[in-house]
Amino acid sequence: MRATDLDSTVRHVLARHLDMAPDQLTADVDLAEAGLDDDTALVVLEDVEDALEMRFPDDFFDGLTTYADLTAAVRVAVGS
């Protein structure tokens, strides 16, 4: 999967769960301040896994604070 497609997938899933417009998710958006709590993170993780047809560890969000952190971690995990 191309990086732009990957980013778009993550952006749309996350935006839907944070009740935000996808274009509001800029690189420096703090995930916790945007409303990502532990429960929401698990649901987001499941939806991203389904969209990308892969699995991530349950602690995938640990240490990720910004949207840029998240997209970088997903890119590394999928090897793109």
Protein backbone atom coordinates (compact mmCIF):
# COMPACT_ATOMS: atom_id res chain seq x y z
CA MET A 1 0.00 0.00 0.00
CA ARG A 2 1.31 3.45 -0.87
CA ALA A 3 2.11 5.79 2.02
CA THR A 4 -0.52 8.32 0.88
CA ASP A 5 -3.23 5.63 0.83
CA LEU A 6 -2.08 4.39 4.20
CA ASP A 7 -2.16 7.88 5.69
CA SER A 8 -5.59 8.52 4.21
CA THR A 9 -6.96 5.31 5.69
CA VAL A 10 -5.60 6.09 9.16
CA ARG A 11 -6.74 9.72 8.93
CA HIS A 12 -10.32 8.81 8.03
CA VAL A 13 -10.66 6.10 10.66
CA LEU A 14 -9.23 8.30 13.39
CA ALA A 15 -11.25 11.36 12.36
CA ARG A 16 -14.48 9.36 12.45
CA HIS A 17 -13.82 8.20 16.02
CA LEU A 18 -12.70 11.63 17.22
CA ASP A 19 -15.67 13.32 15.55
CA MET A 20 -13.38 15.57 13.52
CA ALA A 21 -13.01 16.41 9.87
CA PRO A 22 -10.10 14.44 8.37
CA ASP A 23 -8.36 17.65 7.28
CA GLN A 24 -8.21 18.74 10.93
CA LEU A 25 -5.77 15.92 11.65
CA THR A 26 -2.51 17.67 10.97
CA ALA A 27 0.84 16.17 11.92
CA ASP A 28 1.08 18.05 15.21
CA VAL A 29 -2.40 17.22 16.53
CA ASP A 30 -2.07 15.82 20.05
CA LEU A 31 -4.11 12.62 20.12
CA ALA A 32 -5.12 12.88 23.79
CA GLU A 33 -6.17 16.52 23.43
CA ALA A 34 -8.22 15.53 20.38
CA GLY A 35 -10.12 13.04 22.54
CA LEU A 36 -8.28 9.77 22.04
CA ASP A 37 -8.61 7.87 25.30
CA ASP A 38 -7.76 4.21 25.97
CA ASP A 39 -11.18 2.92 24.98
CA THR A 40 -11.29 4.93 21.76
CA ALA A 41 -7.73 3.89 20.92
CA LEU A 42 -8.72 0.22 21.02
CA VAL A 43 -11.66 0.80 18.69
CA VAL A 44 -9.51 2.88 16.34
CA LEU A 45 -6.86 0.18 16.37
CA GLU A 46 -9.43 -2.48 15.46
CA ASP A 47 -10.83 -0.38 12.63
CA VAL A 48 -7.37 0.41 11.23
CA GLU A 49 -6.51 -3.29 11.45
CA ASP A 50 -9.67 -4.18 9.54
CA ALA A 51 -9.05 -1.50 6.91
CA LEU A 52 -5.44 -2.59 6.38
CA GLU A 53 -6.13 -6.30 6.84
CA MET A 54 -3.38 -6.73 9.42
CA ARG A 55 -2.94 -6.91 13.18
CA PHE A 56 -1.07 -4.64 15.58
CA PRO A 57 -0.16 -5.35 19.22
CA ASP A 58 -2.70 -4.18 21.81
CA ASP A 59 -0.20 -1.64 23.14
CA PHE A 60 0.36 -0.11 19.69
CA PHE A 61 -0.69 3.39 20.83
CA ASP A 62 1.69 3.41 23.80
CA GLY A 63 4.09 6.32 23.46
CA LEU A 64 2.31 7.82 20.44
CA THR A 65 1.31 11.38 21.24
CA THR A 66 0.68 13.07 17.89
CA TYR A 67 -0.98 12.18 14.64
CA ALA A 68 2.48 12.20 13.00
CA ASP A 69 3.67 9.64 15.57
CA LEU A 70 0.72 7.42 14.75
CA THR A 71 1.13 7.53 10.98
CA ALA A 72 4.88 6.94 11.26
CA ALA A 73 4.29 3.90 13.51
CA VAL A 74 1.70 2.47 11.11
CA ARG A 75 4.09 2.94 8.17
CA VAL A 76 6.84 1.11 10.05
CA ALA A 77 4.46 -1.68 11.08
CA VAL A 78 3.32 -2.29 7.50
CA GLY A 79 6.80 -1.89 6.11
CA SER A 80 6.19 1.05 3.78
